[in-house]
Amino acid sequence: MRAARYHEYGGTETLMIEDVPEPHPGPDEIRIRVAAAGVNPVDWKVRNGSARDVIPVELPAIPGRDAVGVVDEIGDEVRGVSIGDRVFGLGGITGATAELAVLSAWAPASAAWSDEEAAGAGLAAVTALGGLEVFGSLKGRTLLVEGAAGGVGSAAVEIAVAQGATVIGTAGEHNHAFLTALGARATAYGTGLAERVLALAPDGIDFVLDTAASGSLSDLVAIVGDPTRVSTIADHVNAPRLGTHLVNARNDSALLATAGELGRQGLYTPRIERSYPLEQIAEAHAFSERGHVRGKVVVRI
């Protein structure tokens, strides 16, 4: 099969398209014929070696963790899915940007989603849902999302709005119309945030989700007044010190199913800023590495 692969840690120049052996699922896994795969910050952090101390991988490696496609092989212990089903989901830290990929968590892909949208849903949705679930019910509550225009942030905005929350999202001014379209009240991040949030939510903020790791976590705790009402999916350094929730993405089929159902209902649509063919995997990684992606970057296989 054809796949993107790198043989050593380094820049985007290490990425190449190669013929590689086909993977096969374990007893509780499935294999899909990939239509599109997501590009996430973890992909290039693993590739360039900056994450090797916490996420070591065996080289050569195929980048990518989430993908969408049609099931073509099923592990012996798997039930509830059939050959030919269109699913989206998550595999290991690597392996998704290929013609065939093994998934350990999956759910039906909403028919309302294009392949590109479904490819962008997996990791963003489970991360957002994991970051929000620590708060319990959001109905009637006010949520502040720091870094709301990115892949996880934009997913969290739509999901929280669907759950009945009032959402305030921070982003650069050029992304404010985007956040408004998602259902959030937009404001700028940075100095003076507490005053801007107070103007938008005079009755206060109930919960905060930080997706940015921009150094603002202590300020976010001060805004809400209680570290247990703050969740971060990004600031691994300051969360333990401050006592906030620290949430890592997990391969959870139930969370994927929740996202897929919201998609079916028209309440969550993964936002794709750029889509690249497999042959342009290096350009896709480079664009993601520059930061400030609005929504997601995906690769079409």
C-alpha atoms as a PDB file:
ATOM      1  CA  MET A   1       0.000   0.000   0.000  1.00  0.00           C
ATOM      2  CA  ARG A   2       1.010   3.638  -0.398  1.00  0.00           C
ATOM      3  CA  ALA A   3       1.661   5.670   2.709  1.00  0.00           C
ATOM      4  CA  ALA A   4       3.420   8.756   3.965  1.00  0.00           C
ATOM      5  CA  ARG A   5       6.430   7.774   6.053  1.00  0.00           C
ATOM      6  CA  TYR A   6       9.544   9.168   7.701  1.00  0.00           C
ATOM      7  CA  HIS A   7      12.686   7.213   8.598  1.00  0.00           C
ATOM      8  CA  GLU A   8      14.252   9.701  11.012  1.00  0.00           C
ATOM      9  CA  TYR A   9      13.175  12.553  13.239  1.00  0.00           C
ATOM     10  CA  GLY A  10      13.368  15.928  11.551  1.00  0.00           C
ATOM     11  CA  GLY A  11      11.622  18.524   9.428  1.00  0.00           C
ATOM     12  CA  THR A  12       9.027  18.111   6.729  1.00  0.00           C
ATOM     13  CA  GLU A  13      11.764  17.064   4.308  1.00  0.00           C
ATOM     14  CA  THR A  14      11.828  13.680   6.065  1.00  0.00           C
ATOM     15  CA  LEU A  15       8.305  12.879   4.803  1.00  0.00           C
ATOM     16  CA  MET A  16       8.064  10.737   1.704  1.00  0.00           C
ATOM     17  CA  ILE A  17       5.489   8.599  -0.075  1.00  0.00           C
ATOM     18  CA  GLU A  18       6.416   4.918  -0.137  1.00  0.00           C
ATOM     19  CA  ASP A  19       5.040   1.449  -0.741  1.00  0.00           C
ATOM     20  CA  VAL A  20       4.875  -0.233   2.664  1.00  0.00           C
ATOM     21  CA  PRO A  21       3.514  -3.527   4.042  1.00  0.00           C
ATOM     22  CA  GLU A  22      -0.209  -3.655   4.768  1.00  0.00           C
ATOM     23  CA  PRO A  23      -1.217  -3.565   8.459  1.00  0.00           C
ATOM     24  CA  HIS A  24      -3.709  -6.033   9.920  1.00  0.00           C
ATOM     25  CA  PRO A  25      -6.001  -5.532  12.898  1.00  0.00           C
ATOM     26  CA  GLY A  26      -5.637  -7.240  16.243  1.00  0.00           C
ATOM     27  CA  PRO A  27      -8.546  -9.110  17.843  1.00  0.00           C
ATOM     28  CA  ASP A  28     -10.325  -5.946  19.038  1.00  0.00           C
ATOM     29  CA  GLU A  29      -9.392  -3.676  16.120  1.00  0.00           C
ATOM     30  CA  ILE A  30     -10.607  -2.974  12.602  1.00  0.00           C
ATOM     31  CA  ARG A  31      -8.881  -1.948   9.401  1.00  0.00           C
ATOM     32  CA  ILE A  32     -10.236   0.714   7.071  1.00  0.00           C
ATOM     33  CA  ARG A  33      -9.502   1.695   3.506  1.00  0.00           C
ATOM     34  CA  VAL A  34      -8.679   5.314   4.250  1.00  0.00           C
ATOM     35  CA  ALA A  35     -10.425   8.136   2.414  1.00  0.00           C
ATOM     36  CA  ALA A  36      -8.812  10.956   4.400  1.00  0.00           C
ATOM     37  CA  ALA A  37      -6.689  11.413   7.530  1.00  0.00           C
ATOM     38  CA  GLY A  38      -6.331  14.261   9.984  1.00  0.00           C
ATOM     39  CA  VAL A  39      -3.193  16.309  10.572  1.00  0.00           C
ATOM     40  CA  ASN A  40      -2.804  17.216  14.245  1.00  0.00           C
ATOM     41  CA  PRO A  41      -0.073  19.059  16.148  1.00  0.00           C
ATOM     42  CA  VAL A  42       0.928  15.797  17.825  1.00  0.00           C
ATOM     43  CA  ASP A  43       1.770  14.392  14.376  1.00  0.00           C
ATOM     44  CA  TRP A  44       4.512  16.878  13.634  1.00  0.00           C
ATOM     45  CA  LYS A  45       5.715  17.018  17.246  1.00  0.00           C
ATOM     46  CA  VAL A  46       6.277  13.272  17.059  1.00  0.00           C
ATOM     47  CA  ARG A  47       7.842  13.552  13.590  1.00  0.00           C
ATOM     48  CA  ASN A  48      10.286  16.320  14.476  1.00  0.00           C
ATOM     49  CA  GLY A  49      11.385  14.564  17.654  1.00  0.00           C
ATOM     50  CA  SER A  50      10.273  17.224  20.125  1.00  0.00           C
ATOM     51  CA  ALA A  51       7.900  14.730  21.780  1.00  0.00           C
ATOM     52  CA  ARG A  52      10.220  11.711  21.700  1.00  0.00           C
ATOM     53  CA  ASP A  53      10.738  11.682  25.493  1.00  0.00           C
ATOM     54  CA  VAL A  54       7.013  11.278  26.183  1.00  0.00           C
ATOM     55  CA  ILE A  55       5.811   9.702  22.905  1.00  0.00           C
ATOM     56  CA  PRO A  56       8.549   7.482  21.505  1.00  0.00           C
ATOM     57  CA  VAL A  57       7.756   5.765  18.209  1.00  0.00           C
ATOM     58  CA  GLU A  58       9.389   3.017  16.218  1.00  0.00           C
ATOM     59  CA  LEU A  59      10.960   4.296  13.008  1.00  0.00           C
ATOM     60  CA  PRO A  60      10.188   4.336  10.162  1.00  0.00           C
ATOM     61  CA  ALA A  61       6.748   5.694  11.079  1.00  0.00           C
ATOM     62  CA  ILE A  62       3.585   6.644   9.230  1.00  0.00           C
ATOM     63  CA  PRO A  63       2.187   9.929  10.618  1.00  0.00           C
ATOM     64  CA  GLY A  64      -1.397  10.364  11.724  1.00  0.00           C
ATOM     65  CA  ARG A  65      -3.755   9.170  14.435  1.00  0.00           C
ATOM     66  CA  ASP A  66      -7.279   9.742  13.080  1.00  0.00           C
ATOM     67  CA  ALA A  67      -8.934   8.874   9.783  1.00  0.00           C
ATOM     68  CA  VAL A  68     -12.174   8.036   8.003  1.00  0.00           C
ATOM     69  CA  GLY A  69     -12.797   5.200   5.594  1.00  0.00           C
ATOM     70  CA  VAL A  70     -14.627   1.997   4.768  1.00  0.00           C
ATOM     71  CA  VAL A  71     -14.109  -1.084   6.921  1.00  0.00           C
ATOM     72  CA  ASP A  72     -12.340  -3.854   5.004  1.00  0.00           C
ATOM     73  CA  GLU A  73     -11.006  -6.168   7.762  1.00  0.00           C
ATOM     74  CA  ILE A  74     -12.343  -6.940  11.239  1.00  0.00           C
ATOM     75  CA  GLY A  75     -10.643  -8.447  14.297  1.00  0.00           C
ATOM     76  CA  ASP A  76     -11.994 -11.699  15.695  1.00  0.00           C
ATOM     77  CA  GLU A  77     -13.423 -10.137  18.861  1.00  0.00           C
ATOM     78  CA  VAL A  78     -15.088  -7.130  17.205  1.00  0.00           C
ATOM     79  CA  ARG A  79     -18.874  -6.931  17.081  1.00  0.00           C
ATOM     80  CA  GLY A  80     -21.312  -4.324  15.801  1.00  0.00           C
ATOM     81  CA  VAL A  81     -19.487  -3.275  12.650  1.00  0.00           C
ATOM     82  CA  SER A  82     -19.445  -4.831   9.173  1.00  0.00           C
ATOM     83  CA  ILE A  83     -17.247  -4.876   6.097  1.00  0.00           C
ATOM     84  CA  GLY A  84     -18.213  -1.866   3.986  1.00  0.00           C
ATOM     85  CA  ASP A  85     -19.330   0.374   6.882  1.00  0.00           C
ATOM     86  CA  ARG A  86     -18.092   3.974   6.709  1.00  0.00           C
ATOM     87  CA  VAL A  87     -16.491   4.858  10.045  1.00  0.00           C
ATOM     88  CA  PHE A  88     -14.206   7.462  11.546  1.00  0.00           C
ATOM     89  CA  GLY A  89     -11.893   6.905  14.441  1.00  0.00           C
ATOM     90  CA  LEU A  90      -8.500   6.630  16.043  1.00  0.00           C
ATOM     91  CA  GLY A  91      -5.574   4.271  15.873  1.00  0.00           C
ATOM     92  CA  GLY A  92      -2.174   4.515  17.493  1.00  0.00           C
ATOM     93  CA  ILE A  93      -0.072   7.651  17.655  1.00  0.00           C
ATOM     94  CA  THR A  94       1.059   6.812  14.121  1.00  0.00           C
ATOM     95  CA  GLY A  95      -0.308   4.920  11.134  1.00  0.00           C
ATOM     96  CA  ALA A  96      -3.286   6.828   9.726  1.00  0.00           C
ATOM     97  CA  THR A  97      -1.884   8.618   6.667  1.00  0.00           C
ATOM     98  CA  ALA A  98      -1.931   5.570   4.417  1.00  0.00           C
ATOM     99  CA  GLU A  99      -4.220   3.684   2.072  1.00  0.00           C
ATOM    100  CA  LEU A 100      -5.010   1.237   4.896  1.00  0.00           C
ATOM    101  CA  ALA A 101      -5.079   1.993   8.617  1.00  0.00           C
ATOM    102  CA  VAL A 102      -5.906   0.066  11.787  1.00  0.00           C
ATOM    103  CA  LEU A 103      -8.318   1.671  14.265  1.00  0.00           C
ATOM    104  CA  SER A 104      -8.808   0.763  17.926  1.00  0.00           C
ATOM    105  CA  ALA A 105     -11.752   3.147  18.461  1.00  0.00           C
ATOM    106  CA  TRP A 106     -14.387   4.049  15.883  1.00  0.00           C
ATOM    107  CA  ALA A 107     -17.993   5.041  15.250  1.00  0.00           C
ATOM    108  CA  PRO A 108     -20.239   5.475  12.219  1.00  0.00           C
ATOM    109  CA  ALA A 109     -19.326   8.603  10.268  1.00  0.00           C
ATOM    110  CA  SER A 110     -22.241  10.968   9.854  1.00  0.00           C
ATOM    111  CA  ALA A 111     -23.641  10.961   6.324  1.00  0.00           C
ATOM    112  CA  ALA A 112     -23.800  14.747   6.678  1.00  0.00           C
ATOM    113  CA  TRP A 113     -19.998  14.913   6.845  1.00  0.00           C
ATOM    114  CA  SER A 114     -17.719  14.885   3.833  1.00  0.00           C
ATOM    115  CA  ASP A 115     -14.677  12.625   4.036  1.00  0.00           C
ATOM    116  CA  GLU A 116     -12.546  15.648   4.875  1.00  0.00           C
ATOM    117  CA  GLU A 117     -14.886  16.675   7.706  1.00  0.00           C
ATOM    118  CA  ALA A 118     -15.040  13.149   9.102  1.00  0.00           C
ATOM    119  CA  ALA A 119     -11.243  12.890   8.966  1.00  0.00           C
ATOM    120  CA  GLY A 120     -11.009  16.041  11.063  1.00  0.00           C
ATOM    121  CA  ALA A 121     -13.487  14.850  13.683  1.00  0.00           C
ATOM    122  CA  GLY A 122     -11.767  12.000  15.504  1.00  0.00           C
ATOM    123  CA  LEU A 123      -9.040  13.441  17.684  1.00  0.00           C
ATOM    124  CA  ALA A 124     -10.602  16.909  17.960  1.00  0.00           C
ATOM    125  CA  ALA A 125     -13.969  15.549  19.093  1.00  0.00           C
ATOM    126  CA  VAL A 126     -12.710  13.085  21.711  1.00  0.00           C
ATOM    127  CA  THR A 127     -10.343  15.717  23.103  1.00  0.00           C
ATOM    128  CA  ALA A 128     -13.078  18.343  23.303  1.00  0.00           C
ATOM    129  CA  LEU A 129     -15.596  15.939  24.803  1.00  0.00           C
ATOM    130  CA  GLY A 130     -13.036  14.676  27.301  1.00  0.00           C
ATOM    131  CA  GLY A 131     -12.219  18.228  28.338  1.00  0.00           C
ATOM    132  CA  LEU A 132     -15.892  19.079  28.810  1.00  0.00           C
ATOM    133  CA  GLU A 133     -17.180  15.911  30.489  1.00  0.00           C
ATOM    134  CA  VAL A 134     -15.347  16.698  33.751  1.00  0.00           C
ATOM    135  CA  PHE A 135     -17.831  19.538  34.295  1.00  0.00           C
ATOM    136  CA  GLY A 136     -20.990  17.438  34.116  1.00  0.00           C
ATOM    137  CA  SER A 137     -24.079  19.011  32.594  1.00  0.00           C
ATOM    138  CA  LEU A 138     -23.474  22.215  30.641  1.00  0.00           C
ATOM    139  CA  LYS A 139     -27.130  23.068  30.132  1.00  0.00           C
ATOM    140  CA  GLY A 140     -27.763  26.620  31.253  1.00  0.00           C
ATOM    141  CA  ARG A 141     -24.129  27.174  32.204  1.00  0.00           C
ATOM    142  CA  THR A 142     -21.600  29.622  30.796  1.00  0.00           C
ATOM    143  CA  LEU A 143     -18.378  28.251  29.378  1.00  0.00           C
ATOM    144  CA  LEU A 144     -15.209  30.099  28.363  1.00  0.00           C
ATOM    145  CA  VAL A 145     -13.091  28.362  25.706  1.00  0.00           C
ATOM    146  CA  GLU A 146      -9.527  29.642  25.408  1.00  0.00           C
ATOM    147  CA  GLY A 147      -8.203  29.078  21.885  1.00  0.00           C
ATOM    148  CA  ALA A 148     -11.657  28.531  20.418  1.00  0.00           C
ATOM    149  CA  ALA A 149     -10.807  28.726  16.704  1.00  0.00           C
ATOM    150  CA  GLY A 150      -8.502  25.699  16.546  1.00  0.00           C
ATOM    151  CA  GLY A 151      -9.484  22.105  15.886  1.00  0.00           C
ATOM    152  CA  VAL A 152     -10.289  21.173  19.481  1.00  0.00           C
ATOM    153  CA  GLY A 153     -11.555  24.629  20.412  1.00  0.00           C
ATOM    154  CA  SER A 154     -14.016  24.885  17.542  1.00  0.00           C
ATOM    155  CA  ALA A 155     -15.282  21.363  18.258  1.00  0.00           C
ATOM    156  CA  ALA A 156     -15.743  22.276  21.937  1.00  0.00           C
ATOM    157  CA  VAL A 157     -17.703  25.402  21.029  1.00  0.00           C
ATOM    158  CA  GLU A 158     -20.206  23.559  18.845  1.00  0.00           C
ATOM    159  CA  ILE A 159     -20.530  20.625  21.221  1.00  0.00           C
ATOM    160  CA  ALA A 160     -21.062  22.863  24.261  1.00  0.00           C
ATOM    161  CA  VAL A 161     -23.645  24.957  22.417  1.00  0.00           C
ATOM    162  CA  ALA A 162     -25.426  21.730  21.433  1.00  0.00           C
ATOM    163  CA  GLN A 163     -25.473  20.767  25.113  1.00  0.00           C
ATOM    164  CA  GLY A 164     -27.199  24.015  26.052  1.00  0.00           C
ATOM    165  CA  ALA A 165     -24.276  26.143  27.203  1.00  0.00           C
ATOM    166  CA  THR A 166     -23.625  29.795  26.582  1.00  0.00           C
ATOM    167  CA  VAL A 167     -20.114  29.885  25.145  1.00  0.00           C
ATOM    168  CA  ILE A 168     -17.533  32.668  25.075  1.00  0.00           C
ATOM    169  CA  GLY A 169     -14.567  31.906  22.862  1.00  0.00           C
ATOM    170  CA  THR A 170     -11.201  33.616  22.625  1.00  0.00           C
ATOM    171  CA  ALA A 171      -9.377  33.996  19.323  1.00  0.00           C
ATOM    172  CA  GLY A 172      -7.605  36.549  17.182  1.00  0.00           C
ATOM    173  CA  GLU A 173      -9.920  39.221  15.816  1.00  0.00           C
ATOM    174  CA  HIS A 174      -9.751  37.741  12.293  1.00  0.00           C
ATOM    175  CA  ASN A 175     -11.463  34.614  13.695  1.00  0.00           C
ATOM    176  CA  HIS A 176     -14.289  36.349  15.552  1.00  0.00           C
ATOM    177  CA  ALA A 177     -16.820  35.980  12.749  1.00  0.00           C
ATOM    178  CA  PHE A 178     -15.895  32.287  12.567  1.00  0.00           C
ATOM    179  CA  LEU A 179     -16.627  31.849  16.271  1.00  0.00           C
ATOM    180  CA  THR A 180     -19.898  33.719  15.968  1.00  0.00           C
ATOM    181  CA  ALA A 181     -20.936  31.339  13.193  1.00  0.00           C
ATOM    182  CA  LEU A 182     -20.216  28.429  15.564  1.00  0.00           C
ATOM    183  CA  GLY A 183     -22.540  29.923  18.157  1.00  0.00           C
ATOM    184  CA  ALA A 184     -20.032  31.575  20.489  1.00  0.00           C
ATOM    185  CA  ARG A 185     -19.599  35.104  21.738  1.00  0.00           C
ATOM    186  CA  ALA A 186     -16.125  36.041  20.557  1.00  0.00           C
ATOM    187  CA  THR A 187     -13.462  38.056  22.321  1.00  0.00           C
ATOM    188  CA  ALA A 188      -9.715  38.568  22.048  1.00  0.00           C
ATOM    189  CA  TYR A 189      -7.269  36.618  24.206  1.00  0.00           C
ATOM    190  CA  GLY A 190      -4.476  38.241  26.181  1.00  0.00           C
ATOM    191  CA  THR A 191      -4.207  41.234  28.492  1.00  0.00           C
ATOM    192  CA  GLY A 192      -7.552  42.480  29.778  1.00  0.00           C
ATOM    193  CA  LEU A 193      -9.368  39.184  29.177  1.00  0.00           C
ATOM    194  CA  ALA A 194     -11.064  39.194  32.592  1.00  0.00           C
ATOM    195  CA  GLU A 195     -12.630  42.591  31.925  1.00  0.00           C
ATOM    196  CA  ARG A 196     -13.783  41.597  28.429  1.00  0.00           C
ATOM    197  CA  VAL A 197     -15.290  38.373  29.710  1.00  0.00           C
ATOM    198  CA  LEU A 198     -17.114  40.220  32.487  1.00  0.00           C
ATOM    199  CA  ALA A 199     -18.660  42.522  29.904  1.00  0.00           C
ATOM    200  CA  LEU A 200     -19.907  39.521  27.924  1.00  0.00           C
ATOM    201  CA  ALA A 201     -20.965  37.471  30.963  1.00  0.00           C
ATOM    202  CA  PRO A 202     -21.846  39.821  33.829  1.00  0.00           C
ATOM    203  CA  ASP A 203     -23.200  36.900  35.876  1.00  0.00           C
ATOM    204  CA  GLY A 204     -19.843  35.166  35.702  1.00  0.00           C
ATOM    205  CA  ILE A 205     -18.262  32.105  34.118  1.00  0.00           C
ATOM    206  CA  ASP A 206     -19.126  28.618  35.328  1.00  0.00           C
ATOM    207  CA  PHE A 207     -16.393  26.637  33.572  1.00  0.00           C
ATOM    208  CA  VAL A 208     -13.279  27.173  31.455  1.00  0.00           C
ATOM    209  CA  LEU A 209     -11.736  24.898  28.831  1.00  0.00           C
ATOM    210  CA  ASP A 210      -8.177  25.781  27.816  1.00  0.00           C
ATOM    211  CA  THR A 211      -7.059  24.387  24.464  1.00  0.00           C
ATOM    212  CA  ALA A 212      -4.201  26.799  23.845  1.00  0.00           C
ATOM    213  CA  ALA A 213      -1.432  26.365  26.464  1.00  0.00           C
ATOM    214  CA  SER A 214      -0.610  30.012  25.891  1.00  0.00           C
ATOM    215  CA  GLY A 215       0.510  30.670  29.472  1.00  0.00           C
ATOM    216  CA  SER A 216      -2.901  31.980  30.490  1.00  0.00           C
ATOM    217  CA  LEU A 217      -3.970  29.124  32.772  1.00  0.00           C
ATOM    218  CA  SER A 218      -3.478  31.038  36.025  1.00  0.00           C
ATOM    219  CA  ASP A 219      -5.505  33.936  34.600  1.00  0.00           C
ATOM    220  CA  LEU A 220      -8.266  31.530  33.582  1.00  0.00           C
ATOM    221  CA  VAL A 221      -8.360  30.118  37.119  1.00  0.00           C
ATOM    222  CA  ALA A 222      -8.654  33.654  38.478  1.00  0.00           C
ATOM    223  CA  ILE A 223     -11.563  34.408  36.121  1.00  0.00           C
ATOM    224  CA  VAL A 224     -13.605  31.422  37.286  1.00  0.00           C
ATOM    225  CA  GLY A 225     -12.365  31.491  40.890  1.00  0.00           C
ATOM    226  CA  ASP A 226     -11.864  27.731  41.323  1.00  0.00           C
ATOM    227  CA  PRO A 227      -9.239  25.513  39.639  1.00  0.00           C
ATOM    228  CA  THR A 228     -11.583  22.499  39.670  1.00  0.00           C
ATOM    229  CA  ARG A 229     -13.835  24.412  37.263  1.00  0.00           C
ATOM    230  CA  VAL A 230     -10.997  24.725  34.753  1.00  0.00           C
ATOM    231  CA  SER A 231      -9.970  21.989  32.330  1.00  0.00           C
ATOM    232  CA  THR A 232      -6.934  22.078  30.056  1.00  0.00           C
ATOM    233  CA  ILE A 233      -6.045  19.726  27.256  1.00  0.00           C
ATOM    234  CA  ALA A 234      -2.773  21.483  26.529  1.00  0.00           C
ATOM    235  CA  ASP A 235      -0.941  22.945  29.555  1.00  0.00           C
ATOM    236  CA  HIS A 236       0.764  19.909  31.063  1.00  0.00           C
ATOM    237  CA  VAL A 237       3.248  22.061  32.958  1.00  0.00           C
ATOM    238  CA  ASN A 238       0.940  24.358  34.907  1.00  0.00           C
ATOM    239  CA  ALA A 239      -2.143  22.187  35.412  1.00  0.00           C
ATOM    240  CA  PRO A 240      -0.674  20.078  38.254  1.00  0.00           C
ATOM    241  CA  ARG A 241       0.683  23.164  39.985  1.00  0.00           C
ATOM    242  CA  LEU A 242      -2.601  25.033  39.809  1.00  0.00           C
ATOM    243  CA  GLY A 243      -4.893  22.076  40.502  1.00  0.00           C
ATOM    244  CA  THR A 244      -6.928  22.205  37.300  1.00  0.00           C
ATOM    245  CA  HIS A 245      -8.181  19.193  35.389  1.00  0.00           C
ATOM    246  CA  LEU A 246      -5.646  17.931  32.850  1.00  0.00           C
ATOM    247  CA  VAL A 247      -7.286  15.879  30.120  1.00  0.00           C
ATOM    248  CA  ASN A 248      -5.509  13.733  27.551  1.00  0.00           C
ATOM    249  CA  ALA A 249      -7.195  12.439  24.418  1.00  0.00           C
ATOM    250  CA  ARG A 250      -8.216   8.804  24.654  1.00  0.00           C
ATOM    251  CA  ASN A 251      -9.316   6.271  22.077  1.00  0.00           C
ATOM    252  CA  ASP A 252     -12.936   6.034  23.180  1.00  0.00           C
ATOM    253  CA  SER A 253     -15.598   4.700  20.823  1.00  0.00           C
ATOM    254  CA  ALA A 254     -18.383   6.086  23.031  1.00  0.00           C
ATOM    255  CA  LEU A 255     -17.057   9.633  22.670  1.00  0.00           C
ATOM    256  CA  LEU A 256     -16.715   9.133  18.918  1.00  0.00           C
ATOM    257  CA  ALA A 257     -20.298   7.890  18.762  1.00  0.00           C
ATOM    258  CA  THR A 258     -21.465  10.999  20.621  1.00  0.00           C
ATOM    259  CA  ALA A 259     -19.677  13.218  18.106  1.00  0.00           C
ATOM    260  CA  GLY A 260     -21.072  11.228  15.189  1.00  0.00           C
ATOM    261  CA  GLU A 261     -24.613  11.526  16.516  1.00  0.00           C
ATOM    262  CA  LEU A 262     -24.229  15.277  16.942  1.00  0.00           C
ATOM    263  CA  GLY A 263     -23.072  15.351  13.329  1.00  0.00           C
ATOM    264  CA  ARG A 264     -26.128  13.370  12.248  1.00  0.00           C
ATOM    265  CA  GLN A 265     -28.333  15.903  14.008  1.00  0.00           C
ATOM    266  CA  GLY A 266     -26.555  18.804  12.317  1.00  0.00           C
ATOM    267  CA  LEU A 267     -25.200  20.093  15.626  1.00  0.00           C
ATOM    268  CA  TYR A 268     -21.497  19.488  15.003  1.00  0.00           C
ATOM    269  CA  THR A 269     -19.599  19.904  11.750  1.00  0.00           C
ATOM    270  CA  PRO A 270     -15.788  19.644  11.844  1.00  0.00           C
ATOM    271  CA  ARG A 271     -14.345  22.770  10.258  1.00  0.00           C
ATOM    272  CA  ILE A 272     -11.613  22.203   7.671  1.00  0.00           C
ATOM    273  CA  GLU A 273      -9.302  25.055   6.774  1.00  0.00           C
ATOM    274  CA  ARG A 274      -7.158  23.155   4.266  1.00  0.00           C
ATOM    275  CA  SER A 275      -7.191  19.784   2.542  1.00  0.00           C
ATOM    276  CA  TYR A 276      -4.161  18.314   0.754  1.00  0.00           C
ATOM    277  CA  PRO A 277      -3.594  15.245  -1.414  1.00  0.00           C
ATOM    278  CA  LEU A 278      -1.321  12.551   0.031  1.00  0.00           C
ATOM    279  CA  GLU A 279       1.516  13.677  -2.227  1.00  0.00           C
ATOM    280  CA  GLN A 280       1.509  17.040  -0.421  1.00  0.00           C
ATOM    281  CA  ILE A 281       1.819  15.647   3.109  1.00  0.00           C
ATOM    282  CA  ALA A 282       4.903  17.823   3.697  1.00  0.00           C
ATOM    283  CA  GLU A 283       2.949  20.971   2.823  1.00  0.00           C
ATOM    284  CA  ALA A 284       0.123  19.862   5.136  1.00  0.00           C
ATOM    285  CA  HIS A 285       2.516  19.409   8.052  1.00  0.00           C
ATOM    286  CA  ALA A 286       4.233  22.718   7.312  1.00  0.00           C
ATOM    287  CA  PHE A 287       0.921  24.567   7.323  1.00  0.00           C
ATOM    288  CA  SER A 288      -0.079  22.989  10.634  1.00  0.00           C
ATOM    289  CA  GLU A 289       3.306  23.777  12.168  1.00  0.00           C
ATOM    290  CA  ARG A 290       2.895  27.475  11.429  1.00  0.00           C
ATOM    291  CA  GLY A 291       0.070  27.510  13.983  1.00  0.00           C
ATOM    292  CA  HIS A 292      -3.192  29.420  14.227  1.00  0.00           C
ATOM    293  CA  VAL A 293      -5.066  26.872  12.111  1.00  0.00           C
ATOM    294  CA  ARG A 294      -8.773  27.621  11.897  1.00  0.00           C
ATOM    295  CA  GLY A 295     -10.344  24.239  12.502  1.00  0.00           C
ATOM    296  CA  LYS A 296      -8.451  21.313  10.994  1.00  0.00           C
ATOM    297  CA  VAL A 297      -5.985  20.335   8.279  1.00  0.00           C
ATOM    298  CA  VAL A 298      -6.582  16.998   6.528  1.00  0.00           C
ATOM    299  CA  VAL A 299      -4.943  14.813   3.907  1.00  0.00           C
ATOM    300  CA  ARG A 300      -6.940  13.041   1.190  1.00  0.00           C
ATOM    301  CA  ILE A 301      -5.748   9.532   0.428  1.00  0.00           C
END
